[in-house]
Amino acid sequence: MRTLAAAVSLLAVVALSGCSQDDAQDAVDQAKDAASSAVSDADIQLPDVDWSKYGDKFQSKIDELAASADCASLQKELTDHGKLDSDVTAYIKAKLQQAGCS
């Protein structure tokens, strides 16, 4: 949702700044892409995982890898930890999808 809010803010700035038509169209295209990405992210359901089984930093590690779109490291985590628990596997797969890795 932050991405969608940023896209709307960008459109407002462009509209008020009096920029060229090409700049305005670029801003509109960027806003559409950001809004589309936000909607796609909203569609991805993350499973509930009992993170206490895996240490307090494992979830943040997966989330950080997804935020940086580090697909190779996310895939390695899936390979290394995917057999532990179906919820962990589903979580990492969802994060791969959110990061645009699938």
N, C-alpha and C. Protein backbone atom coordinates (compact mmCIF):
# COMPACT_ATOMS: atom_id res chain seq x y z
N MET A 1 0.81 -1.18 0.00
CA MET A 1 0.00 0.00 0.00
C MET A 1 0.86 1.26 0.00
N ARG A 2 2.09 1.18 0.61
CA ARG A 2 2.96 2.35 0.57
C ARG A 2 3.32 2.69 -0.87
N THR A 3 3.50 1.69 -1.70
CA THR A 3 3.84 1.91 -3.10
C THR A 3 2.71 2.64 -3.81
N LEU A 4 1.49 2.24 -3.54
CA LEU A 4 0.33 2.89 -4.15
C LEU A 4 0.23 4.34 -3.69
N ALA A 5 0.45 4.59 -2.42
CA ALA A 5 0.41 5.97 -1.90
C ALA A 5 1.51 6.81 -2.53
N ALA A 6 2.69 6.23 -2.70
CA ALA A 6 3.79 6.96 -3.34
C ALA A 6 3.46 7.27 -4.79
N ALA A 7 2.81 6.36 -5.47
CA ALA A 7 2.44 6.58 -6.86
C ALA A 7 1.44 7.72 -6.97
N VAL A 8 0.48 7.75 -6.09
CA VAL A 8 -0.52 8.82 -6.09
C VAL A 8 0.14 10.16 -5.78
N SER A 9 1.07 10.16 -4.82
CA SER A 9 1.80 11.38 -4.48
C SER A 9 2.62 11.87 -5.66
N LEU A 10 3.25 10.95 -6.36
CA LEU A 10 4.04 11.31 -7.54
C LEU A 10 3.17 11.96 -8.59
N LEU A 11 2.00 11.41 -8.82
CA LEU A 11 1.08 12.00 -9.79
C LEU A 11 0.68 13.42 -9.39
N ALA A 12 0.43 13.63 -8.12
CA ALA A 12 0.04 14.96 -7.64
C ALA A 12 1.16 15.96 -7.84
N VAL A 13 2.39 15.56 -7.54
CA VAL A 13 3.55 16.44 -7.72
C VAL A 13 3.71 16.79 -9.19
N VAL A 14 3.60 15.81 -10.05
CA VAL A 14 3.75 16.05 -11.49
C VAL A 14 2.66 17.00 -11.98
N ALA A 15 1.45 16.79 -11.54
CA ALA A 15 0.33 17.63 -11.99
C ALA A 15 0.52 19.08 -11.54
N LEU A 16 1.07 19.27 -10.35
CA LEU A 16 1.22 20.61 -9.81
C LEU A 16 2.50 21.31 -10.27
N SER A 17 3.45 20.56 -10.78
CA SER A 17 4.74 21.14 -11.11
C SER A 17 4.80 21.76 -12.50
N GLY A 18 3.84 21.48 -13.35
CA GLY A 18 3.83 22.06 -14.68
C GLY A 18 4.94 21.51 -15.57
N CYS A 19 5.25 20.25 -15.45
CA CYS A 19 6.32 19.66 -16.26
C CYS A 19 5.82 19.39 -17.68
N SER A 20 6.73 18.96 -18.51
CA SER A 20 6.38 18.71 -19.91
C SER A 20 5.44 17.52 -20.02
N GLN A 21 4.82 17.39 -21.18
CA GLN A 21 3.89 16.29 -21.41
C GLN A 21 4.61 14.94 -21.36
N ASP A 22 5.84 14.88 -21.89
CA ASP A 22 6.61 13.62 -21.83
C ASP A 22 6.92 13.24 -20.39
N ASP A 23 7.33 14.24 -19.59
CA ASP A 23 7.61 13.96 -18.18
C ASP A 23 6.35 13.50 -17.46
N ALA A 24 5.25 14.14 -17.77
CA ALA A 24 3.98 13.76 -17.14
C ALA A 24 3.59 12.34 -17.52
N GLN A 25 3.77 11.99 -18.80
CA GLN A 25 3.43 10.64 -19.24
C GLN A 25 4.33 9.61 -18.57
N ASP A 26 5.63 9.93 -18.45
CA ASP A 26 6.55 9.03 -17.75
C ASP A 26 6.11 8.82 -16.31
N ALA A 27 5.71 9.90 -15.65
CA ALA A 27 5.26 9.80 -14.27
C ALA A 27 4.00 8.95 -14.16
N VAL A 28 3.09 9.13 -15.11
CA VAL A 28 1.86 8.32 -15.12
C VAL A 28 2.20 6.85 -15.32
N ASP A 29 3.11 6.56 -16.24
CA ASP A 29 3.52 5.17 -16.49
C ASP A 29 4.16 4.57 -15.24
N GLN A 30 5.02 5.33 -14.57
CA GLN A 30 5.65 4.84 -13.34
C GLN A 30 4.60 4.59 -12.25
N ALA A 31 3.65 5.48 -12.15
CA ALA A 31 2.60 5.31 -11.15
C ALA A 31 1.75 4.08 -11.44
N LYS A 32 1.45 3.85 -12.71
CA LYS A 32 0.69 2.65 -13.08
C LYS A 32 1.46 1.39 -12.71
N ASP A 33 2.77 1.38 -13.02
CA ASP A 33 3.60 0.22 -12.68
C ASP A 33 3.64 0.00 -11.17
N ALA A 34 3.79 1.08 -10.41
CA ALA A 34 3.84 0.96 -8.96
C ALA A 34 2.52 0.46 -8.40
N ALA A 35 1.42 0.98 -8.93
CA ALA A 35 0.10 0.55 -8.47
C ALA A 35 -0.14 -0.91 -8.82
N SER A 36 0.27 -1.31 -10.00
CA SER A 36 0.13 -2.71 -10.42
C SER A 36 0.94 -3.62 -9.51
N SER A 37 2.15 -3.20 -9.18
CA SER A 37 3.00 -3.98 -8.29
C SER A 37 2.38 -4.09 -6.91
N ALA A 38 1.81 -3.00 -6.41
CA ALA A 38 1.18 -3.02 -5.09
C ALA A 38 -0.01 -3.95 -5.06
N VAL A 39 -0.79 -3.96 -6.13
CA VAL A 39 -1.94 -4.86 -6.21
C VAL A 39 -1.47 -6.30 -6.27
N SER A 40 -0.41 -6.57 -7.05
CA SER A 40 0.11 -7.93 -7.14
C SER A 40 0.61 -8.41 -5.79
N ASP A 41 1.34 -7.54 -5.06
CA ASP A 41 1.83 -7.91 -3.74
C ASP A 41 0.69 -8.19 -2.79
N ALA A 42 -0.41 -7.44 -2.92
CA ALA A 42 -1.54 -7.63 -2.03
C ALA A 42 -2.21 -8.98 -2.26
N ASP A 43 -2.11 -9.52 -3.47
CA ASP A 43 -2.73 -10.79 -3.80
C ASP A 43 -1.97 -11.99 -3.23
N ILE A 44 -0.72 -11.82 -2.87
CA ILE A 44 0.11 -12.91 -2.38
C ILE A 44 -0.16 -13.10 -0.89
N GLN A 45 -0.63 -14.29 -0.56
CA GLN A 45 -0.95 -14.60 0.83
C GLN A 45 0.25 -15.26 1.50
N LEU A 46 0.68 -14.70 2.62
CA LEU A 46 1.76 -15.29 3.39
C LEU A 46 1.16 -16.20 4.46
N PRO A 47 1.66 -17.41 4.55
CA PRO A 47 1.13 -18.33 5.56
C PRO A 47 1.59 -17.94 6.96
N ASP A 48 0.85 -18.39 7.94
CA ASP A 48 1.27 -18.20 9.33
C ASP A 48 2.34 -19.24 9.63
N VAL A 49 3.45 -18.78 10.15
CA VAL A 49 4.57 -19.66 10.47
C VAL A 49 4.91 -19.48 11.93
N ASP A 50 5.18 -20.57 12.62
CA ASP A 50 5.65 -20.50 14.00
C ASP A 50 7.15 -20.25 13.95
N TRP A 51 7.52 -18.98 13.89
CA TRP A 51 8.93 -18.60 13.72
C TRP A 51 9.78 -18.96 14.93
N SER A 52 9.17 -19.21 16.07
CA SER A 52 9.95 -19.56 17.26
C SER A 52 10.74 -20.85 17.06
N LYS A 53 10.32 -21.67 16.12
CA LYS A 53 11.03 -22.93 15.83
C LYS A 53 12.35 -22.68 15.11
N TYR A 54 12.51 -21.52 14.50
CA TYR A 54 13.63 -21.29 13.58
C TYR A 54 14.58 -20.19 14.02
N GLY A 55 14.40 -19.65 15.19
CA GLY A 55 15.25 -18.56 15.65
C GLY A 55 14.63 -17.22 15.30
N ASP A 56 14.99 -16.22 16.09
CA ASP A 56 14.33 -14.94 15.94
C ASP A 56 14.76 -14.13 14.72
N LYS A 57 15.81 -14.53 14.03
CA LYS A 57 16.27 -13.73 12.88
C LYS A 57 15.95 -14.37 11.53
N PHE A 58 15.41 -15.55 11.51
CA PHE A 58 15.18 -16.25 10.24
C PHE A 58 14.14 -15.53 9.39
N GLN A 59 13.02 -15.13 9.98
CA GLN A 59 11.99 -14.43 9.22
C GLN A 59 12.52 -13.11 8.67
N SER A 60 13.22 -12.34 9.50
CA SER A 60 13.74 -11.06 9.02
C SER A 60 14.75 -11.26 7.90
N LYS A 61 15.52 -12.34 7.97
CA LYS A 61 16.47 -12.64 6.89
C LYS A 61 15.72 -12.88 5.57
N ILE A 62 14.67 -13.70 5.63
CA ILE A 62 13.88 -13.99 4.43
C ILE A 62 13.23 -12.71 3.90
N ASP A 63 12.67 -11.91 4.80
CA ASP A 63 12.02 -10.66 4.40
C ASP A 63 13.01 -9.68 3.77
N GLU A 64 14.21 -9.60 4.32
CA GLU A 64 15.23 -8.70 3.77
C GLU A 64 15.69 -9.18 2.39
N LEU A 65 15.85 -10.48 2.22
CA LEU A 65 16.23 -11.01 0.91
C LEU A 65 15.15 -10.70 -0.13
N ALA A 66 13.90 -10.82 0.27
CA ALA A 66 12.79 -10.51 -0.64
C ALA A 66 12.74 -9.03 -0.97
N ALA A 67 12.94 -8.18 0.04
CA ALA A 67 12.91 -6.74 -0.18
C ALA A 67 14.00 -6.29 -1.14
N SER A 68 15.14 -6.97 -1.08
CA SER A 68 16.24 -6.60 -1.99
C SER A 68 16.20 -7.40 -3.29
N ALA A 69 15.16 -8.22 -3.45
CA ALA A 69 14.98 -9.06 -4.65
C ALA A 69 16.21 -9.93 -4.92
N ASP A 70 16.76 -10.48 -3.85
CA ASP A 70 17.92 -11.38 -3.95
C ASP A 70 17.40 -12.79 -4.22
N CYS A 71 17.05 -13.03 -5.47
CA CYS A 71 16.41 -14.28 -5.86
C CYS A 71 17.29 -15.50 -5.61
N ALA A 72 18.57 -15.38 -5.88
CA ALA A 72 19.47 -16.52 -5.70
C ALA A 72 19.53 -16.93 -4.22
N SER A 73 19.63 -15.96 -3.34
CA SER A 73 19.70 -16.28 -1.90
C SER A 73 18.36 -16.81 -1.38
N LEU A 74 17.27 -16.26 -1.89
CA LEU A 74 15.95 -16.78 -1.50
C LEU A 74 15.80 -18.23 -1.95
N GLN A 75 16.23 -18.51 -3.15
CA GLN A 75 16.15 -19.88 -3.67
C GLN A 75 17.01 -20.82 -2.83
N LYS A 76 18.19 -20.34 -2.42
CA LYS A 76 19.07 -21.15 -1.56
C LYS A 76 18.38 -21.43 -0.22
N GLU A 77 17.73 -20.42 0.35
CA GLU A 77 17.01 -20.63 1.61
C GLU A 77 15.89 -21.65 1.43
N LEU A 78 15.23 -21.60 0.29
CA LEU A 78 14.18 -22.57 0.01
C LEU A 78 14.77 -23.97 -0.06
N THR A 79 15.89 -24.09 -0.74
CA THR A 79 16.55 -25.40 -0.85
C THR A 79 17.03 -25.89 0.51
N ASP A 80 17.63 -24.99 1.28
CA ASP A 80 18.21 -25.36 2.58
C ASP A 80 17.15 -25.66 3.64
N HIS A 81 16.06 -24.88 3.63
CA HIS A 81 15.09 -24.96 4.73
C HIS A 81 13.71 -25.41 4.30
N GLY A 82 13.52 -25.62 3.04
CA GLY A 82 12.20 -25.96 2.53
C GLY A 82 11.64 -27.26 3.04
N LYS A 83 12.51 -28.15 3.46
CA LYS A 83 12.03 -29.45 3.95
C LYS A 83 11.67 -29.42 5.43
N LEU A 84 11.94 -28.31 6.09
CA LEU A 84 11.67 -28.21 7.52
C LEU A 84 10.19 -28.24 7.84
N ASP A 85 9.42 -27.47 7.08
CA ASP A 85 8.03 -27.24 7.46
C ASP A 85 7.32 -26.72 6.21
N SER A 86 6.14 -27.22 5.95
CA SER A 86 5.43 -26.77 4.75
C SER A 86 5.08 -25.28 4.82
N ASP A 87 4.86 -24.75 6.04
CA ASP A 87 4.57 -23.33 6.17
C ASP A 87 5.80 -22.48 5.81
N VAL A 88 6.98 -22.93 6.21
CA VAL A 88 8.21 -22.21 5.86
C VAL A 88 8.41 -22.25 4.34
N THR A 89 8.19 -23.40 3.76
CA THR A 89 8.31 -23.54 2.31
C THR A 89 7.34 -22.58 1.60
N ALA A 90 6.11 -22.57 2.04
CA ALA A 90 5.10 -21.70 1.43
C ALA A 90 5.46 -20.23 1.63
N TYR A 91 6.00 -19.88 2.79
CA TYR A 91 6.39 -18.50 3.06
C TYR A 91 7.52 -18.06 2.12
N ILE A 92 8.55 -18.89 1.99
CA ILE A 92 9.68 -18.54 1.13
C ILE A 92 9.22 -18.46 -0.33
N LYS A 93 8.36 -19.37 -0.75
CA LYS A 93 7.84 -19.32 -2.12
C LYS A 93 7.05 -18.04 -2.36
N ALA A 94 6.25 -17.63 -1.38
CA ALA A 94 5.49 -16.39 -1.51
C ALA A 94 6.43 -15.19 -1.59
N LYS A 95 7.50 -15.22 -0.80
CA LYS A 95 8.47 -14.13 -0.84
C LYS A 95 9.22 -14.11 -2.18
N LEU A 96 9.49 -15.28 -2.73
CA LEU A 96 10.09 -15.34 -4.08
C LEU A 96 9.17 -14.69 -5.09
N GLN A 97 7.89 -14.96 -4.96
CA GLN A 97 6.91 -14.40 -5.87
C GLN A 97 6.81 -12.88 -5.68
N GLN A 98 6.78 -12.42 -4.43
CA GLN A 98 6.71 -10.99 -4.17
C GLN A 98 7.93 -10.26 -4.73
N ALA A 99 9.08 -10.91 -4.66
CA ALA A 99 10.32 -10.30 -5.14
C ALA A 99 10.41 -10.32 -6.67
N GLY A 100 9.46 -11.01 -7.30
CA GLY A 100 9.49 -11.09 -8.76
C GLY A 100 10.45 -12.14 -9.27
N CYS A 101 10.72 -13.14 -8.46
CA CYS A 101 11.70 -14.17 -8.81
C CYS A 101 11.08 -15.36 -9.51
N SER A 102 9.77 -15.47 -9.48
CA SER A 102 9.16 -16.66 -10.08
C SER A 102 8.60 -16.39 -11.43
